[in-house]
Amino acid sequence: MSRPSLSKEELFEYMRRHRYAVISSVSPSGTPEAAVVGFTVSPALEIVFDTVNTSRKYSNLTANPAAAAVIWAGETTVQFEGVAEEARGAERERIREVYFEAWPDGRDRLSWPGITHFVIRPKWIRYTDFTQSPPLVEEFRF
């Protein structure tokens, strides 16, 4: 009996159903720092979130774009590693629209001093579902 697999479309749907993730970045001293953020995901499996330019994650990600995230519900998880970039230029509008679909109130935050949007493009994602026996574990590399 073969184990069921998870498609990228199913992974996208799983991620899209969740609103919060833990985002990890690397501080200038090399120590990890983590924060819970409201996020969304694009069909290309990019994680999108907003932050202010006075936050630790902003400083960390602009100095070192390595980022990781965890999204979970009970015994299902997504571990995500990628490269973060502050959305700028024409790309900024696309990223903002992706974000505003999930977080319409994000438009109100555009008036906040220093508000900006980040996109984390995936390098590696692992989905695990421990409610199954054996557990479903799928890895994706980009």
C-alpha atoms as a PDB file:
ATOM      1  CA  MET A   1       0.000   0.000   0.000  1.00  0.00           C
ATOM      2  CA  SER A   2       1.543   3.304  -1.041  1.00  0.00           C
ATOM      3  CA  ARG A   3       1.562   6.312   1.221  1.00  0.00           C
ATOM      4  CA  PRO A   4      -0.565   9.263   0.073  1.00  0.00           C
ATOM      5  CA  SER A   5       1.386  12.287  -1.070  1.00  0.00           C
ATOM      6  CA  LEU A   6       0.661  15.973  -0.744  1.00  0.00           C
ATOM      7  CA  SER A   7       0.648  18.213  -3.815  1.00  0.00           C
ATOM      8  CA  LYS A   8       1.882  21.797  -3.842  1.00  0.00           C
ATOM      9  CA  GLU A   9      -1.735  22.883  -4.356  1.00  0.00           C
ATOM     10  CA  GLU A  10      -2.806  21.009  -1.221  1.00  0.00           C
ATOM     11  CA  LEU A  11       0.115  22.520   0.689  1.00  0.00           C
ATOM     12  CA  PHE A  12      -0.983  25.987  -0.471  1.00  0.00           C
ATOM     13  CA  GLU A  13      -4.550  25.309   0.713  1.00  0.00           C
ATOM     14  CA  TYR A  14      -3.293  24.112   4.109  1.00  0.00           C
ATOM     15  CA  MET A  15      -1.107  27.186   4.561  1.00  0.00           C
ATOM     16  CA  ARG A  16      -3.856  29.519   3.364  1.00  0.00           C
ATOM     17  CA  ARG A  17      -6.255  28.248   6.038  1.00  0.00           C
ATOM     18  CA  HIS A  18      -3.933  29.532   8.771  1.00  0.00           C
ATOM     19  CA  ARG A  19      -3.509  33.123   9.869  1.00  0.00           C
ATOM     20  CA  TYR A  20      -0.503  33.084  12.188  1.00  0.00           C
ATOM     21  CA  ALA A  21       3.041  31.789  11.927  1.00  0.00           C
ATOM     22  CA  VAL A  22       6.228  32.008  13.930  1.00  0.00           C
ATOM     23  CA  ILE A  23       8.883  33.761  11.838  1.00  0.00           C
ATOM     24  CA  SER A  24      12.528  33.328  12.798  1.00  0.00           C
ATOM     25  CA  SER A  25      15.416  35.529  11.760  1.00  0.00           C
ATOM     26  CA  VAL A  26      19.067  35.904  12.685  1.00  0.00           C
ATOM     27  CA  SER A  27      20.222  38.846  14.807  1.00  0.00           C
ATOM     28  CA  PRO A  28      23.446  40.750  14.060  1.00  0.00           C
ATOM     29  CA  SER A  29      25.157  38.766  16.840  1.00  0.00           C
ATOM     30  CA  GLY A  30      24.095  35.499  15.157  1.00  0.00           C
ATOM     31  CA  THR A  31      21.437  34.506  17.673  1.00  0.00           C
ATOM     32  CA  PRO A  32      18.003  33.369  16.501  1.00  0.00           C
ATOM     33  CA  GLU A  33      14.999  35.589  17.150  1.00  0.00           C
ATOM     34  CA  ALA A  34      11.368  34.621  16.611  1.00  0.00           C
ATOM     35  CA  ALA A  35       8.049  36.448  16.456  1.00  0.00           C
ATOM     36  CA  VAL A  36       4.440  35.540  15.797  1.00  0.00           C
ATOM     37  CA  VAL A  37       3.073  37.338  12.745  1.00  0.00           C
ATOM     38  CA  GLY A  38      -0.181  37.467  10.879  1.00  0.00           C
ATOM     39  CA  PHE A  39       0.659  36.134   7.434  1.00  0.00           C
ATOM     40  CA  THR A  40      -0.749  34.895   4.188  1.00  0.00           C
ATOM     41  CA  VAL A  41       0.642  32.776   1.392  1.00  0.00           C
ATOM     42  CA  SER A  42       0.736  33.274  -2.368  1.00  0.00           C
ATOM     43  CA  PRO A  43       0.041  30.457  -4.858  1.00  0.00           C
ATOM     44  CA  ALA A  44       3.844  30.343  -5.369  1.00  0.00           C
ATOM     45  CA  LEU A  45       4.068  29.385  -1.652  1.00  0.00           C
ATOM     46  CA  GLU A  46       5.585  32.737  -0.689  1.00  0.00           C
ATOM     47  CA  ILE A  47       4.908  33.822   2.893  1.00  0.00           C
ATOM     48  CA  VAL A  48       3.792  37.477   3.091  1.00  0.00           C
ATOM     49  CA  PHE A  49       3.498  39.606   6.237  1.00  0.00           C
ATOM     50  CA  ASP A  50       3.685  43.213   7.355  1.00  0.00           C
ATOM     51  CA  THR A  51       5.893  44.761  10.008  1.00  0.00           C
ATOM     52  CA  VAL A  52       7.293  48.137  10.987  1.00  0.00           C
ATOM     53  CA  ASN A  53      10.843  49.225  10.280  1.00  0.00           C
ATOM     54  CA  THR A  54      11.552  49.589  14.005  1.00  0.00           C
ATOM     55  CA  SER A  55      11.017  45.868  14.717  1.00  0.00           C
ATOM     56  CA  ARG A  56      13.823  43.417  15.361  1.00  0.00           C
ATOM     57  CA  LYS A  57      12.688  41.204  12.478  1.00  0.00           C
ATOM     58  CA  TYR A  58      12.911  44.156  10.081  1.00  0.00           C
ATOM     59  CA  SER A  59      16.496  44.912  11.092  1.00  0.00           C
ATOM     60  CA  ASN A  60      17.446  41.247  11.055  1.00  0.00           C
ATOM     61  CA  LEU A  61      15.887  40.426   7.677  1.00  0.00           C
ATOM     62  CA  THR A  62      17.281  43.483   5.910  1.00  0.00           C
ATOM     63  CA  ALA A  63      20.786  42.611   7.166  1.00  0.00           C
ATOM     64  CA  ASN A  64      20.494  38.825   6.662  1.00  0.00           C
ATOM     65  CA  PRO A  65      17.584  37.562   4.551  1.00  0.00           C
ATOM     66  CA  ALA A  66      17.691  33.981   5.898  1.00  0.00           C
ATOM     67  CA  ALA A  67      14.295  33.237   7.436  1.00  0.00           C
ATOM     68  CA  ALA A  68      12.342  30.299   8.781  1.00  0.00           C
ATOM     69  CA  ALA A  69       8.696  29.887   9.699  1.00  0.00           C
ATOM     70  CA  VAL A  70       6.471  27.361  11.426  1.00  0.00           C
ATOM     71  CA  ILE A  71       2.740  27.044  10.836  1.00  0.00           C
ATOM     72  CA  TRP A  72       0.800  24.464  12.811  1.00  0.00           C
ATOM     73  CA  ALA A  73      -2.545  23.167  13.966  1.00  0.00           C
ATOM     74  CA  GLY A  74      -2.514  20.315  16.435  1.00  0.00           C
ATOM     75  CA  GLU A  75      -0.394  17.543  14.998  1.00  0.00           C
ATOM     76  CA  THR A  76       0.022  18.988  11.498  1.00  0.00           C
ATOM     77  CA  THR A  77       2.865  21.374  10.780  1.00  0.00           C
ATOM     78  CA  VAL A  78       4.650  23.230   8.033  1.00  0.00           C
ATOM     79  CA  GLN A  79       8.324  23.982   8.518  1.00  0.00           C
ATOM     80  CA  PHE A  80       9.483  26.589   6.026  1.00  0.00           C
ATOM     81  CA  GLU A  81      12.941  27.920   5.182  1.00  0.00           C
ATOM     82  CA  GLY A  82      13.560  30.656   2.673  1.00  0.00           C
ATOM     83  CA  VAL A  83      14.905  34.039   1.727  1.00  0.00           C
ATOM     84  CA  ALA A  84      13.118  37.193   2.869  1.00  0.00           C
ATOM     85  CA  GLU A  85      12.912  40.404   0.941  1.00  0.00           C
ATOM     86  CA  GLU A  86      11.242  43.710   1.678  1.00  0.00           C
ATOM     87  CA  ALA A  87       8.692  44.281  -1.078  1.00  0.00           C
ATOM     88  CA  ARG A  88       9.663  47.258  -3.246  1.00  0.00           C
ATOM     89  CA  GLY A  89       8.749  48.791  -6.597  1.00  0.00           C
ATOM     90  CA  ALA A  90       6.205  47.035  -8.800  1.00  0.00           C
ATOM     91  CA  GLU A  91       6.616  43.856  -6.743  1.00  0.00           C
ATOM     92  CA  ARG A  92       5.407  45.727  -3.664  1.00  0.00           C
ATOM     93  CA  GLU A  93       1.927  46.217  -5.122  1.00  0.00           C
ATOM     94  CA  ARG A  94       1.601  42.510  -5.980  1.00  0.00           C
ATOM     95  CA  ILE A  95       2.758  41.483  -2.498  1.00  0.00           C
ATOM     96  CA  ARG A  96       0.439  43.963  -0.793  1.00  0.00           C
ATOM     97  CA  GLU A  97      -2.564  42.718  -2.756  1.00  0.00           C
ATOM     98  CA  VAL A  98      -1.792  39.132  -1.742  1.00  0.00           C
ATOM     99  CA  TYR A  99      -1.604  40.305   1.871  1.00  0.00           C
ATOM    100  CA  PHE A 100      -4.780  42.423   1.731  1.00  0.00           C
ATOM    101  CA  GLU A 101      -6.815  39.461   0.418  1.00  0.00           C
ATOM    102  CA  ALA A 102      -6.241  37.707   3.739  1.00  0.00           C
ATOM    103  CA  TRP A 103      -5.912  40.817   5.922  1.00  0.00           C
ATOM    104  CA  PRO A 104      -8.221  43.571   4.555  1.00  0.00           C
ATOM    105  CA  ASP A 105      -7.476  45.662   7.654  1.00  0.00           C
ATOM    106  CA  GLY A 106      -3.860  45.777   6.465  1.00  0.00           C
ATOM    107  CA  ARG A 107      -4.873  48.694   4.250  1.00  0.00           C
ATOM    108  CA  ASP A 108      -5.616  50.684   7.423  1.00  0.00           C
ATOM    109  CA  ARG A 109      -2.084  49.987   8.682  1.00  0.00           C
ATOM    110  CA  LEU A 110      -0.582  51.664   5.597  1.00  0.00           C
ATOM    111  CA  SER A 111      -0.872  54.929   7.547  1.00  0.00           C
ATOM    112  CA  TRP A 112       1.402  53.599  10.309  1.00  0.00           C
ATOM    113  CA  PRO A 113       4.880  55.134  10.349  1.00  0.00           C
ATOM    114  CA  GLY A 114       7.436  52.705   8.933  1.00  0.00           C
ATOM    115  CA  ILE A 115       4.975  49.984   7.842  1.00  0.00           C
ATOM    116  CA  THR A 116       6.319  47.662   5.188  1.00  0.00           C
ATOM    117  CA  HIS A 117       5.688  44.205   3.740  1.00  0.00           C
ATOM    118  CA  PHE A 118       8.025  41.253   3.454  1.00  0.00           C
ATOM    119  CA  VAL A 119       7.888  38.202   1.238  1.00  0.00           C
ATOM    120  CA  ILE A 120       9.735  35.015   2.103  1.00  0.00           C
ATOM    121  CA  ARG A 121      10.392  32.882  -0.947  1.00  0.00           C
ATOM    122  CA  PRO A 122      10.690  29.179  -0.149  1.00  0.00           C
ATOM    123  CA  LYS A 123      13.875  27.143  -0.410  1.00  0.00           C
ATOM    124  CA  TRP A 124      12.632  24.125   1.582  1.00  0.00           C
ATOM    125  CA  ILE A 125       9.270  23.159   3.086  1.00  0.00           C
ATOM    126  CA  ARG A 126       8.349  20.113   5.152  1.00  0.00           C
ATOM    127  CA  TYR A 127       4.713  19.234   5.815  1.00  0.00           C
ATOM    128  CA  THR A 128       3.983  16.689   8.547  1.00  0.00           C
ATOM    129  CA  ASP A 129       0.701  15.129   9.594  1.00  0.00           C
ATOM    130  CA  PHE A 130       1.057  12.974  12.701  1.00  0.00           C
ATOM    131  CA  THR A 131      -2.674  12.195  12.849  1.00  0.00           C
ATOM    132  CA  GLN A 132      -2.036   9.475  10.259  1.00  0.00           C
ATOM    133  CA  SER A 133      -0.340   6.138  10.779  1.00  0.00           C
ATOM    134  CA  PRO A 134       2.257   6.116   9.481  1.00  0.00           C
ATOM    135  CA  PRO A 135       2.662   9.903   9.594  1.00  0.00           C
ATOM    136  CA  LEU A 136       2.548  11.774   6.298  1.00  0.00           C
ATOM    137  CA  VAL A 137       5.806  13.649   5.772  1.00  0.00           C
ATOM    138  CA  GLU A 138       6.382  15.533   2.515  1.00  0.00           C
ATOM    139  CA  GLU A 139       9.364  17.715   1.634  1.00  0.00           C
ATOM    140  CA  PHE A 140       9.516  20.288  -1.142  1.00  0.00           C
ATOM    141  CA  ARG A 141      12.709  21.928  -2.448  1.00  0.00           C
ATOM    142  CA  PHE A 142      12.799  25.060  -4.571  1.00  0.00           C
END
